[in-house]
Amino acid sequence: MRGNERYREELSYLVSYAASDWLHFYPVEGAARVLLGDDANEDQVRETVLSLVGDLLDAGAQAVELTSADDPAHVPWGLSRAETLARIRSELENLDDPLDSIHICWFTFPDTGSG
C-alpha cells in the first residue's frame, strides 16, 4: 500500500499538517481508514496507522506529549523509531475506547514552533 498514490497523498497531508501544527492521532487514524475502506478490521487499521507513523518519523516528525505549560508546550518522547512504533502499537492494542487514541501522542517537526 505504501507505494500507491493514495497512500502518498494521505502521507503528504499528514506531513504538511505536522509541519504547520501539532498533529494528533485522529487524522492519522482517519487517513488509515480512508486508505483501507469500510471493510477494514481493527488490526488492518492499526498496521496502516503504524505504517503512516513510521513514514512520518522517517520524514523528520517526532512523537511528543503536550504539556499544560506554555514553555515547553511539548516534550519529545526521545525514543528511536522502533521504540516509538512499539510504544504506539502497545498503546493502540490496549485502548479501552478507540477515541482515547488522541491521548497517545502528537506529532510535530523539531524547531518549527508548531502550535
PDB file of N, CA and C in Angstrom:
ATOM      1  N   MET A   1       0.826  -1.192   0.000  1.00  0.00           N
ATOM      2  CA  MET A   1       0.000   0.000   0.000  1.00  0.00           C
ATOM      3  C   MET A   1       0.871   1.257   0.000  1.00  0.00           C
ATOM      4  N   ARG A   2       2.033   1.213   0.636  1.00  0.00           N
ATOM      5  CA  ARG A   2       2.890   2.385   0.763  1.00  0.00           C
ATOM      6  C   ARG A   2       3.234   3.026  -0.575  1.00  0.00           C
ATOM      7  N   GLY A   3       3.335   2.214  -1.617  1.00  0.00           N
ATOM      8  CA  GLY A   3       3.758   2.731  -2.895  1.00  0.00           C
ATOM      9  C   GLY A   3       2.638   3.353  -3.718  1.00  0.00           C
ATOM     10  N   ASN A   4       1.394   3.177  -3.287  1.00  0.00           N
ATOM     11  CA  ASN A   4       0.329   3.688  -4.146  1.00  0.00           C
ATOM     12  C   ASN A   4       0.109   5.187  -3.940  1.00  0.00           C
ATOM     13  N   GLU A   5      -0.489   5.789  -4.938  1.00  0.00           N
ATOM     14  CA  GLU A   5      -0.659   7.246  -4.952  1.00  0.00           C
ATOM     15  C   GLU A   5      -1.540   7.745  -3.816  1.00  0.00           C
ATOM     16  N   ARG A   6      -2.599   7.037  -3.496  1.00  0.00           N
ATOM     17  CA  ARG A   6      -3.481   7.462  -2.394  1.00  0.00           C
ATOM     18  C   ARG A   6      -2.720   7.485  -1.076  1.00  0.00           C
ATOM     19  N   TYR A   7      -1.884   6.475  -0.861  1.00  0.00           N
ATOM     20  CA  TYR A   7      -1.076   6.437   0.360  1.00  0.00           C
ATOM     21  C   TYR A   7      -0.157   7.653   0.402  1.00  0.00           C
ATOM     22  N   ARG A   8       0.520   7.927  -0.692  1.00  0.00           N
ATOM     23  CA  ARG A   8       1.439   9.070  -0.741  1.00  0.00           C
ATOM     24  C   ARG A   8       0.699  10.388  -0.506  1.00  0.00           C
ATOM     25  N   GLU A   9      -0.515  10.502  -1.032  1.00  0.00           N
ATOM     26  CA  GLU A   9      -1.315  11.713  -0.817  1.00  0.00           C
ATOM     27  C   GLU A   9      -1.686  11.874   0.653  1.00  0.00           C
ATOM     28  N   GLU A  10      -2.144  10.793   1.260  1.00  0.00           N
ATOM     29  CA  GLU A  10      -2.504  10.855   2.682  1.00  0.00           C
ATOM     30  C   GLU A  10      -1.279  11.188   3.535  1.00  0.00           C
ATOM     31  N   LEU A  11      -0.154  10.542   3.232  1.00  0.00           N
ATOM     32  CA  LEU A  11       1.070  10.807   3.981  1.00  0.00           C
ATOM     33  C   LEU A  11       1.514  12.254   3.792  1.00  0.00           C
ATOM     34  N   SER A  12       1.441  12.766   2.584  1.00  0.00           N
ATOM     35  CA  SER A  12       1.823  14.146   2.306  1.00  0.00           C
ATOM     36  C   SER A  12       0.975  15.116   3.123  1.00  0.00           C
ATOM     37  N   TYR A  13      -0.325  14.846   3.204  1.00  0.00           N
ATOM     38  CA  TYR A  13      -1.214  15.674   4.020  1.00  0.00           C
ATOM     39  C   TYR A  13      -0.779  15.652   5.487  1.00  0.00           C
ATOM     40  N   LEU A  14      -0.492  14.464   6.007  1.00  0.00           N
ATOM     41  CA  LEU A  14      -0.093  14.341   7.405  1.00  0.00           C
ATOM     42  C   LEU A  14       1.234  15.048   7.677  1.00  0.00           C
ATOM     43  N   VAL A  15       2.186  14.917   6.770  1.00  0.00           N
ATOM     44  CA  VAL A  15       3.479  15.590   6.920  1.00  0.00           C
ATOM     45  C   VAL A  15       3.270  17.105   6.920  1.00  0.00           C
ATOM     46  N   SER A  16       2.461  17.606   6.007  1.00  0.00           N
ATOM     47  CA  SER A  16       2.192  19.045   5.946  1.00  0.00           C
ATOM     48  C   SER A  16       1.516  19.526   7.220  1.00  0.00           C
ATOM     49  N   TYR A  17       0.571  18.750   7.706  1.00  0.00           N
ATOM     50  CA  TYR A  17      -0.140  19.084   8.941  1.00  0.00           C
ATOM     51  C   TYR A  17       0.854  19.179  10.100  1.00  0.00           C
ATOM     52  N   ALA A  18       1.681  18.156  10.261  1.00  0.00           N
ATOM     53  CA  ALA A  18       2.646  18.132  11.369  1.00  0.00           C
ATOM     54  C   ALA A  18       3.695  19.224  11.240  1.00  0.00           C
ATOM     55  N   ALA A  19       3.980  19.656  10.024  1.00  0.00           N
ATOM     56  CA  ALA A  19       4.962  20.724   9.816  1.00  0.00           C
ATOM     57  C   ALA A  19       4.392  22.090  10.174  1.00  0.00           C
ATOM     58  N   SER A  20       3.059  22.215  10.158  1.00  0.00           N
ATOM     59  CA  SER A  20       2.458  23.514  10.421  1.00  0.00           C
ATOM     60  C   SER A  20       1.790  23.612  11.788  1.00  0.00           C
ATOM     61  N   ASP A  21       1.482  22.480  12.404  1.00  0.00           N
ATOM     62  CA  ASP A  21       0.794  22.479  13.692  1.00  0.00           C
ATOM     63  C   ASP A  21       1.002  21.108  14.329  1.00  0.00           C
ATOM     64  N   TRP A  22       0.553  20.954  15.557  1.00  0.00           N
ATOM     65  CA  TRP A  22       0.641  19.649  16.199  1.00  0.00           C
ATOM     66  C   TRP A  22      -0.392  18.728  15.586  1.00  0.00           C
ATOM     67  N   LEU A  23       0.047  17.564  15.186  1.00  0.00           N
ATOM     68  CA  LEU A  23      -0.816  16.562  14.571  1.00  0.00           C
ATOM     69  C   LEU A  23      -1.167  15.521  15.625  1.00  0.00           C
ATOM     70  N   HIS A  24      -2.448  15.353  15.876  1.00  0.00           N
ATOM     71  CA  HIS A  24      -2.863  14.312  16.828  1.00  0.00           C
ATOM     72  C   HIS A  24      -3.263  13.052  16.071  1.00  0.00           C
ATOM     73  N   PHE A  25      -3.696  12.045  16.791  1.00  0.00           N
ATOM     74  CA  PHE A  25      -3.911  10.725  16.195  1.00  0.00           C
ATOM     75  C   PHE A  25      -5.134  10.624  15.297  1.00  0.00           C
ATOM     76  N   TYR A  26      -6.159  11.433  15.507  1.00  0.00           N
ATOM     77  CA  TYR A  26      -7.372  11.275  14.714  1.00  0.00           C
ATOM     78  C   TYR A  26      -7.130  11.405  13.212  1.00  0.00           C
ATOM     79  N   PRO A  27      -6.375  12.415  12.749  1.00  0.00           N
ATOM     80  CA  PRO A  27      -6.125  12.466  11.298  1.00  0.00           C
ATOM     81  C   PRO A  27      -5.304  11.275  10.782  1.00  0.00           C
ATOM     82  N   VAL A  28      -4.395  10.759  11.607  1.00  0.00           N
ATOM     83  CA  VAL A  28      -3.597   9.605  11.191  1.00  0.00           C
ATOM     84  C   VAL A  28      -4.504   8.384  11.064  1.00  0.00           C
ATOM     85  N   GLU A  29      -5.322   8.168  12.061  1.00  0.00           N
ATOM     86  CA  GLU A  29      -6.247   7.038  12.007  1.00  0.00           C
ATOM     87  C   GLU A  29      -7.270   7.230  10.894  1.00  0.00           C
ATOM     88  N   GLY A  30      -7.715   8.461  10.701  1.00  0.00           N
ATOM     89  CA  GLY A  30      -8.653   8.750   9.622  1.00  0.00           C
ATOM     90  C   GLY A  30      -8.051   8.443   8.264  1.00  0.00           C
ATOM     91  N   ALA A  31      -6.784   8.800   8.078  1.00  0.00           N
ATOM     92  CA  ALA A  31      -6.097   8.505   6.817  1.00  0.00           C
ATOM     93  C   ALA A  31      -6.030   7.001   6.590  1.00  0.00           C
ATOM     94  N   ALA A  32      -5.739   6.251   7.640  1.00  0.00           N
ATOM     95  CA  ALA A  32      -5.677   4.792   7.515  1.00  0.00           C
ATOM     96  C   ALA A  32      -7.035   4.236   7.107  1.00  0.00           C
ATOM     97  N   ARG A  33      -8.096   4.737   7.701  1.00  0.00           N
ATOM     98  CA  ARG A  33      -9.440   4.245   7.378  1.00  0.00           C
ATOM     99  C   ARG A  33      -9.840   4.623   5.952  1.00  0.00           C
ATOM    100  N   VAL A  34      -9.445   5.807   5.496  1.00  0.00           N
ATOM    101  CA  VAL A  34      -9.708   6.200   4.107  1.00  0.00           C
ATOM    102  C   VAL A  34      -8.998   5.248   3.163  1.00  0.00           C
ATOM    103  N   LEU A  35      -7.752   4.950   3.465  1.00  0.00           N
ATOM    104  CA  LEU A  35      -6.966   4.073   2.605  1.00  0.00           C
ATOM    105  C   LEU A  35      -7.517   2.651   2.551  1.00  0.00           C
ATOM    106  N   LEU A  36      -8.033   2.174   3.673  1.00  0.00           N
ATOM    107  CA  LEU A  36      -8.476   0.781   3.763  1.00  0.00           C
ATOM    108  C   LEU A  36      -9.930   0.563   3.376  1.00  0.00           C
ATOM    109  N   GLY A  37     -10.751   1.569   3.540  1.00  0.00           N
ATOM    110  CA  GLY A  37     -12.173   1.418   3.248  1.00  0.00           C
ATOM    111  C   GLY A  37     -12.949   0.882   4.441  1.00  0.00           C
ATOM    112  N   ASP A  38     -14.249   0.800   4.256  1.00  0.00           N
ATOM    113  CA  ASP A  38     -15.163   0.437   5.345  1.00  0.00           C
ATOM    114  C   ASP A  38     -15.038  -1.005   5.824  1.00  0.00           C
ATOM    115  N   ASP A  39     -14.484  -1.880   5.015  1.00  0.00           N
ATOM    116  CA  ASP A  39     -14.415  -3.295   5.370  1.00  0.00           C
ATOM    117  C   ASP A  39     -13.195  -3.658   6.212  1.00  0.00           C
ATOM    118  N   ALA A  40     -12.359  -2.683   6.511  1.00  0.00           N
ATOM    119  CA  ALA A  40     -11.121  -2.962   7.250  1.00  0.00           C
ATOM    120  C   ALA A  40     -11.421  -3.327   8.697  1.00  0.00           C
ATOM    121  N   ASN A  41     -10.641  -4.272   9.208  1.00  0.00           N
ATOM    122  CA  ASN A  41     -10.767  -4.608  10.627  1.00  0.00           C
ATOM    123  C   ASN A  41      -9.745  -3.786  11.428  1.00  0.00           C
ATOM    124  N   GLU A  42      -9.857  -3.854  12.731  1.00  0.00           N
ATOM    125  CA  GLU A  42      -9.003  -3.017  13.594  1.00  0.00           C
ATOM    126  C   GLU A  42      -7.524  -3.364  13.464  1.00  0.00           C
ATOM    127  N   ASP A  43      -7.198  -4.619  13.236  1.00  0.00           N
ATOM    128  CA  ASP A  43      -5.794  -4.998  13.043  1.00  0.00           C
ATOM    129  C   ASP A  43      -5.225  -4.331  11.793  1.00  0.00           C
ATOM    130  N   GLN A  44      -6.003  -4.321  10.719  1.00  0.00           N
ATOM    131  CA  GLN A  44      -5.554  -3.677   9.480  1.00  0.00           C
ATOM    132  C   GLN A  44      -5.386  -2.174   9.680  1.00  0.00           C
ATOM    133  N   VAL A  45      -6.323  -1.576  10.382  1.00  0.00           N
ATOM    134  CA  VAL A  45      -6.229  -0.140  10.655  1.00  0.00           C
ATOM    135  C   VAL A  45      -4.976   0.149  11.478  1.00  0.00           C
ATOM    136  N   ARG A  46      -4.747  -0.635  12.524  1.00  0.00           N
ATOM    137  CA  ARG A  46      -3.571  -0.430  13.379  1.00  0.00           C
ATOM    138  C   ARG A  46      -2.286  -0.538  12.564  1.00  0.00           C
ATOM    139  N   GLU A  47      -2.180  -1.547  11.707  1.00  0.00           N
ATOM    140  CA  GLU A  47      -0.962  -1.730  10.919  1.00  0.00           C
ATOM    141  C   GLU A  47      -0.760  -0.567   9.934  1.00  0.00           C
ATOM    142  N   THR A  48      -1.839  -0.067   9.371  1.00  0.00           N
ATOM    143  CA  THR A  48      -1.724   1.062   8.451  1.00  0.00           C
ATOM    144  C   THR A  48      -1.375   2.334   9.216  1.00  0.00           C
ATOM    145  N   VAL A  49      -1.946   2.523  10.393  1.00  0.00           N
ATOM    146  CA  VAL A  49      -1.572   3.659  11.238  1.00  0.00           C
ATOM    147  C   VAL A  49      -0.077   3.606  11.537  1.00  0.00           C
ATOM    148  N   LEU A  50       0.416   2.431  11.909  1.00  0.00           N
ATOM    149  CA  LEU A  50       1.839   2.294  12.229  1.00  0.00           C
ATOM    150  C   LEU A  50       2.720   2.542  11.010  1.00  0.00           C
ATOM    151  N   SER A  51       2.256   2.137   9.844  1.00  0.00           N
ATOM    152  CA  SER A  51       2.998   2.415   8.618  1.00  0.00           C
ATOM    153  C   SER A  51       3.070   3.922   8.373  1.00  0.00           C
ATOM    154  N   LEU A  52       1.935   4.608   8.511  1.00  0.00           N
ATOM    155  CA  LEU A  52       1.910   6.061   8.334  1.00  0.00           C
ATOM    156  C   LEU A  52       2.786   6.760   9.367  1.00  0.00           C
ATOM    157  N   VAL A  53       2.707   6.322  10.618  1.00  0.00           N
ATOM    158  CA  VAL A  53       3.538   6.920  11.669  1.00  0.00           C
ATOM    159  C   VAL A  53       5.009   6.696  11.364  1.00  0.00           C
ATOM    160  N   GLY A  54       5.374   5.491  10.956  1.00  0.00           N
ATOM    161  CA  GLY A  54       6.764   5.217  10.605  1.00  0.00           C
ATOM    162  C   GLY A  54       7.257   6.140   9.504  1.00  0.00           C
ATOM    163  N   ASP A  55       6.410   6.366   8.507  1.00  0.00           N
ATOM    164  CA  ASP A  55       6.794   7.254   7.410  1.00  0.00           C
ATOM    165  C   ASP A  55       6.841   8.712   7.861  1.00  0.00           C
ATOM    166  N   LEU A  56       5.969   9.088   8.787  1.00  0.00           N
ATOM    167  CA  LEU A  56       6.049  10.430   9.376  1.00  0.00           C
ATOM    168  C   LEU A  56       7.384  10.624  10.097  1.00  0.00           C
ATOM    169  N   LEU A  57       7.761   9.617  10.870  1.00  0.00           N
ATOM    170  CA  LEU A  57       9.038   9.682  11.593  1.00  0.00           C
ATOM    171  C   LEU A  57      10.200   9.750  10.608  1.00  0.00           C
ATOM    172  N   ASP A  58      10.125   8.968   9.547  1.00  0.00           N
ATOM    173  CA  ASP A  58      11.170   8.986   8.523  1.00  0.00           C
ATOM    174  C   ASP A  58      11.273  10.351   7.851  1.00  0.00           C
ATOM    175  N   ALA A  59      10.158  11.073   7.780  1.00  0.00           N
ATOM    176  CA  ALA A  59      10.146  12.409   7.182  1.00  0.00           C
ATOM    177  C   ALA A  59      10.692  13.475   8.129  1.00  0.00           C
ATOM    178  N   GLY A  60      10.947  13.073   9.390  1.00  0.00           N
ATOM    179  CA  GLY A  60      11.529  14.010  10.348  1.00  0.00           C
ATOM    180  C   GLY A  60      10.618  14.437  11.472  1.00  0.00           C
ATOM    181  N   ALA A  61       9.367  13.978  11.463  1.00  0.00           N
ATOM    182  CA  ALA A  61       8.456  14.301  12.558  1.00  0.00           C
ATOM    183  C   ALA A  61       8.893  13.554  13.815  1.00  0.00           C
ATOM    184  N   GLN A  62       8.474  14.063  14.949  1.00  0.00           N
ATOM    185  CA  GLN A  62       8.761  13.380  16.205  1.00  0.00           C
ATOM    186  C   GLN A  62       7.482  13.253  17.023  1.00  0.00           C
ATOM    187  N   ALA A  63       7.413  12.192  17.802  1.00  0.00           N
ATOM    188  CA  ALA A  63       6.299  11.994  18.716  1.00  0.00           C
ATOM    189  C   ALA A  63       6.552  12.848  19.948  1.00  0.00           C
ATOM    190  N   VAL A  64       5.509  13.567  20.379  1.00  0.00           N
ATOM    191  CA  VAL A  64       5.628  14.439  21.539  1.00  0.00           C
ATOM    192  C   VAL A  64       4.410  14.289  22.431  1.00  0.00           C
ATOM    193  N   GLU A  65       4.595  14.705  23.671  1.00  0.00           N
ATOM    194  CA  GLU A  65       3.479  14.833  24.597  1.00  0.00           C
ATOM    195  C   GLU A  65       3.281  16.310  24.837  1.00  0.00           C
ATOM    196  N   LEU A  66       2.030  16.748  24.785  1.00  0.00           N
ATOM    197  CA  LEU A  66       1.744  18.145  25.088  1.00  0.00           C
ATOM    198  C   LEU A  66       1.785  18.331  26.599  1.00  0.00           C
ATOM    199  N   THR A  67       2.189  19.512  27.017  1.00  0.00           N
ATOM    200  CA  THR A  67       2.221  19.831  28.435  1.00  0.00           C
ATOM    201  C   THR A  67       1.163  20.883  28.716  1.00  0.00           C
ATOM    202  N   SER A  68       0.892  21.118  29.974  1.00  0.00           N
ATOM    203  CA  SER A  68      -0.064  22.155  30.337  1.00  0.00           C
ATOM    204  C   SER A  68       0.613  23.522  30.430  1.00  0.00           C
ATOM    205  N   ALA A  69       1.921  23.544  30.269  1.00  0.00           N
ATOM    206  CA  ALA A  69       2.667  24.797  30.339  1.00  0.00           C
ATOM    207  C   ALA A  69       2.859  25.391  28.944  1.00  0.00           C
ATOM    208  N   ASP A  70       3.141  26.678  28.908  1.00  0.00           N
ATOM    209  CA  ASP A  70       3.450  27.308  27.628  1.00  0.00           C
ATOM    210  C   ASP A  70       4.893  27.070  27.216  1.00  0.00           C
ATOM    211  N   ASP A  71       5.745  26.848  28.198  1.00  0.00           N
ATOM    212  CA  ASP A  71       7.168  26.664  27.892  1.00  0.00           C
ATOM    213  C   ASP A  71       7.732  25.584  28.802  1.00  0.00           C
ATOM    214  N   PRO A  72       7.967  24.391  28.337  1.00  0.00           N
ATOM    215  CA  PRO A  72       7.747  23.968  26.955  1.00  0.00           C
ATOM    216  C   PRO A  72       6.303  23.538  26.751  1.00  0.00           C
ATOM    217  N   ALA A  73       5.799  23.766  25.571  1.00  0.00           N
ATOM    218  CA  ALA A  73       4.432  23.381  25.234  1.00  0.00           C
ATOM    219  C   ALA A  73       4.333  21.890  24.922  1.00  0.00           C
ATOM    220  N   HIS A  74       5.481  21.302  24.574  1.00  0.00           N
ATOM    221  CA  HIS A  74       5.503  19.870  24.299  1.00  0.00           C
ATOM    222  C   HIS A  74       6.869  19.301  24.667  1.00  0.00           C
ATOM    223  N   VAL A  75       6.869  18.003  24.946  1.00  0.00           N
ATOM    224  CA  VAL A  75       8.090  17.298  25.317  1.00  0.00           C
ATOM    225  C   VAL A  75       8.257  16.109  24.371  1.00  0.00           C
ATOM    226  N   PRO A  76       9.349  16.054  23.617  1.00  0.00           N
ATOM    227  CA  PRO A  76       9.577  14.915  22.723  1.00  0.00           C
ATOM    228  C   PRO A  76       9.725  13.617  23.514  1.00  0.00           C
ATOM    229  N   TRP A  77       9.278  12.534  22.920  1.00  0.00           N
ATOM    230  CA  TRP A  77       9.447  11.233  23.557  1.00  0.00           C
ATOM    231  C   TRP A  77      10.915  10.863  23.663  1.00  0.00           C
ATOM    232  N   GLY A  78      11.707  11.241  22.700  1.00  0.00           N
ATOM    233  CA  GLY A  78      13.130  10.925  22.734  1.00  0.00           C
ATOM    234  C   GLY A  78      13.430   9.445  22.535  1.00  0.00           C
ATOM    235  N   LEU A  79      12.584   8.752  21.792  1.00  0.00           N
ATOM    236  CA  LEU A  79      12.775   7.331  21.535  1.00  0.00           C
ATOM    237  C   LEU A  79      13.230   7.128  20.098  1.00  0.00           C
ATOM    238  N   SER A  80      13.834   5.990  19.843  1.00  0.00           N
ATOM    239  CA  SER A  80      14.183   5.637  18.469  1.00  0.00           C
ATOM    240  C   SER A  80      12.896   5.382  17.683  1.00  0.00           C
ATOM    241  N   ARG A  81      13.032   5.270  16.381  1.00  0.00           N
ATOM    242  CA  ARG A  81      11.888   4.964  15.523  1.00  0.00           C
ATOM    243  C   ARG A  81      11.226   3.663  15.969  1.00  0.00           C
ATOM    244  N   ALA A  82      12.031   2.631  16.153  1.00  0.00           N
ATOM    245  CA  ALA A  82      11.497   1.323  16.550  1.00  0.00           C
ATOM    246  C   ALA A  82      10.813   1.392  17.915  1.00  0.00           C
ATOM    247  N   GLU A  83      11.419   2.099  18.859  1.00  0.00           N
ATOM    248  CA  GLU A  83      10.825   2.229  20.194  1.00  0.00           C
ATOM    249  C   GLU A  83       9.520   3.018  20.134  1.00  0.00           C
ATOM    250  N   THR A  84       9.494   4.058  19.308  1.00  0.00           N
ATOM    251  CA  THR A  84       8.278   4.859  19.158  1.00  0.00           C
ATOM    252  C   THR A  84       7.148   4.008  18.596  1.00  0.00           C
ATOM    253  N   LEU A  85       7.449   3.254  17.545  1.00  0.00           N
ATOM    254  CA  LEU A  85       6.418   2.400  16.935  1.00  0.00           C
ATOM    255  C   LEU A  85       5.954   1.310  17.902  1.00  0.00           C
ATOM    256  N   ALA A  86       6.875   0.747  18.661  1.00  0.00           N
ATOM    257  CA  ALA A  86       6.498  -0.284  19.638  1.00  0.00           C
ATOM    258  C   ALA A  86       5.601   0.304  20.728  1.00  0.00           C
ATOM    259  N   ARG A  87       5.924   1.501  21.185  1.00  0.00           N
ATOM    260  CA  ARG A  87       5.109   2.141  22.228  1.00  0.00           C
ATOM    261  C   ARG A  87       3.717   2.452  21.683  1.00  0.00           C
ATOM    262  N   ILE A  88       3.652   2.980  20.464  1.00  0.00           N
ATOM    263  CA  ILE A  88       2.356   3.303  19.873  1.00  0.00           C
ATOM    264  C   ILE A  88       1.545   2.031  19.643  1.00  0.00           C
ATOM    265  N   ARG A  89       2.190   0.973  19.152  1.00  0.00           N
ATOM    266  CA  ARG A  89       1.491  -0.311  18.966  1.00  0.00           C
ATOM    267  C   ARG A  89       0.893  -0.782  20.294  1.00  0.00           C
ATOM    268  N   SER A  90       1.677  -0.760  21.331  1.00  0.00           N
ATOM    269  CA  SER A  90       1.210  -1.201  22.641  1.00  0.00           C
ATOM    270  C   SER A  90       0.030  -0.349  23.116  1.00  0.00           C
ATOM    271  N   GLU A  91       0.156   0.958  22.956  1.00  0.00           N
ATOM    272  CA  GLU A  91      -0.930   1.854  23.374  1.00  0.00           C
ATOM    273  C   GLU A  91      -2.209   1.562  22.582  1.00  0.00           C
ATOM    274  N   LEU A  92      -2.081   1.393  21.273  1.00  0.00           N
ATOM    275  CA  LEU A  92      -3.250   1.111  20.437  1.00  0.00           C
ATOM    276  C   LEU A  92      -3.901  -0.209  20.809  1.00  0.00           C
ATOM    277  N   GLU A  93      -3.085  -1.222  21.082  1.00  0.00           N
ATOM    278  CA  GLU A  93      -3.620  -2.539  21.432  1.00  0.00           C
ATOM    279  C   GLU A  93      -4.315  -2.543  22.784  1.00  0.00           C
ATOM    280  N   ASN A  94      -3.980  -1.591  23.635  1.00  0.00           N
ATOM    281  CA  ASN A  94      -4.523  -1.580  24.988  1.00  0.00           C
ATOM    282  C   ASN A  94      -5.576  -0.505  25.229  1.00  0.00           C
ATOM    283  N   LEU A  95      -6.082   0.108  24.170  1.00  0.00           N
ATOM    284  CA  LEU A  95      -7.120   1.125  24.325  1.00  0.00           C
ATOM    285  C   LEU A  95      -8.438   0.482  24.725  1.00  0.00           C
ATOM    286  N   ASP A  96      -9.101   1.074  25.712  1.00  0.00           N
ATOM    287  CA  ASP A  96     -10.455   0.639  26.048  1.00  0.00           C
ATOM    288  C   ASP A  96     -11.458   1.222  25.066  1.00  0.00           C
ATOM    289  N   ASP A  97     -11.179   2.438  24.613  1.00  0.00           N
ATOM    290  CA  ASP A  97     -12.056   3.142  23.681  1.00  0.00           C
ATOM    291  C   ASP A  97     -11.184   3.712  22.566  1.00  0.00           C
ATOM    292  N   PRO A  98     -11.473   3.388  21.303  1.00  0.00           N
ATOM    293  CA  PRO A  98     -10.648   3.899  20.206  1.00  0.00           C
ATOM    294  C   PRO A  98     -10.499   5.420  20.202  1.00  0.00           C
ATOM    295  N   LEU A  99     -11.480   6.130  20.734  1.00  0.00           N
ATOM    296  CA  LEU A  99     -11.396   7.591  20.792  1.00  0.00           C
ATOM    297  C   LEU A  99     -10.274   8.061  21.717  1.00  0.00           C
ATOM    298  N   ASP A 100      -9.834   7.194  22.605  1.00  0.00           N
ATOM    299  CA  ASP A 100      -8.740   7.546  23.514  1.00  0.00           C
ATOM    300  C   ASP A 100      -7.391   7.605  22.813  1.00  0.00           C
ATOM    301  N   SER A 101      -7.349   7.251  21.534  1.00  0.00           N
ATOM    302  CA  SER A 101      -6.072   7.310  20.812  1.00  0.00           C
ATOM    303  C   SER A 101      -5.505   8.717  20.775  1.00  0.00           C
ATOM    304  N   ILE A 102      -6.359   9.721  20.926  1.00  0.00           N
ATOM    305  CA  ILE A 102      -5.877  11.103  20.926  1.00  0.00           C
ATOM    306  C   ILE A 102      -4.867  11.343  22.051  1.00  0.00           C
ATOM    307  N   HIS A 103      -4.917  10.534  23.086  1.00  0.00           N
ATOM    308  CA  HIS A 103      -4.030  10.716  24.232  1.00  0.00           C
ATOM    309  C   HIS A 103      -2.686  10.000  24.079  1.00  0.00           C
ATOM    310  N   ILE A 104      -2.487   9.255  23.007  1.00  0.00           N
ATOM    311  CA  ILE A 104      -1.233   8.512  22.850  1.00  0.00           C
ATOM    312  C   ILE A 104      -0.061   9.467  22.682  1.00  0.00           C
ATOM    313  N   CYS A 105      -0.119  10.304  21.670  1.00  0.00           N
ATOM    314  CA  CYS A 105       0.918  11.309  21.446  1.00  0.00           C
ATOM    315  C   CYS A 105       0.458  12.232  20.332  1.00  0.00           C
ATOM    316  N   TRP A 106       1.263  13.221  20.091  1.00  0.00           N
ATOM    317  CA  TRP A 106       1.057  14.143  18.982  1.00  0.00           C
ATOM    318  C   TRP A 106       2.333  14.101  18.158  1.00  0.00           C
ATOM    319  N   PHE A 107       2.288  14.655  16.956  1.00  0.00           N
ATOM    320  CA  PHE A 107       3.468  14.697  16.096  1.00  0.00           C
ATOM    321  C   PHE A 107       3.736  16.131  15.671  1.00  0.00           C
ATOM    322  N   THR A 108       4.996  16.478  15.611  1.00  0.00           N
ATOM    323  CA  THR A 108       5.429  17.772  15.107  1.00  0.00           C
ATOM    324  C   THR A 108       6.844  17.628  14.598  1.00  0.00           C
ATOM    325  N   PHE A 109       7.299  18.647  13.937  1.00  0.00           N
ATOM    326  CA  PHE A 109       8.683  18.674  13.472  1.00  0.00           C
ATOM    327  C   PHE A 109       9.491  19.510  14.444  1.00  0.00           C
ATOM    328  N   PRO A 110      10.722  19.101  14.741  1.00  0.00           N
ATOM    329  CA  PRO A 110      11.554  19.852  15.685  1.00  0.00           C
ATOM    330  C   PRO A 110      11.793  21.275  15.179  1.00  0.00           C
ATOM    331  N   ASP A 111      11.820  22.199  16.125  1.00  0.00           N
ATOM    332  CA  ASP A 111      12.196  23.587  15.849  1.00  0.00           C
ATOM    333  C   ASP A 111      11.331  24.284  14.822  1.00  0.00           C
ATOM    334  N   THR A 112      10.064  23.871  14.724  1.00  0.00           N
ATOM    335  CA  THR A 112       9.192  24.565  13.778  1.00  0.00           C
ATOM    336  C   THR A 112       8.318  25.590  14.474  1.00  0.00           C
ATOM    337  N   GLY A 113       8.310  25.539  15.820  1.00  0.00           N
ATOM    338  CA  GLY A 113       7.447  26.474  16.540  1.00  0.00           C
ATOM    339  C   GLY A 113       5.981  26.132  16.421  1.00  0.00           C
ATOM    340  N   SER A 114       5.661  24.871  16.163  1.00  0.00           N
ATOM    341  CA  SER A 114       4.267  24.462  15.993  1.00  0.00           C
ATOM    342  C   SER A 114       3.454  24.829  17.213  1.00  0.00           C
ATOM    343  N   GLY A 115       2.210  25.133  16.946  1.00  0.00           N
ATOM    344  CA  GLY A 115       1.260  25.423  17.998  1.00  0.00           C
ATOM    345  C   GLY A 115       1.201  26.853  18.229  1.00  0.00           C
TER     346      GLY A 115
END
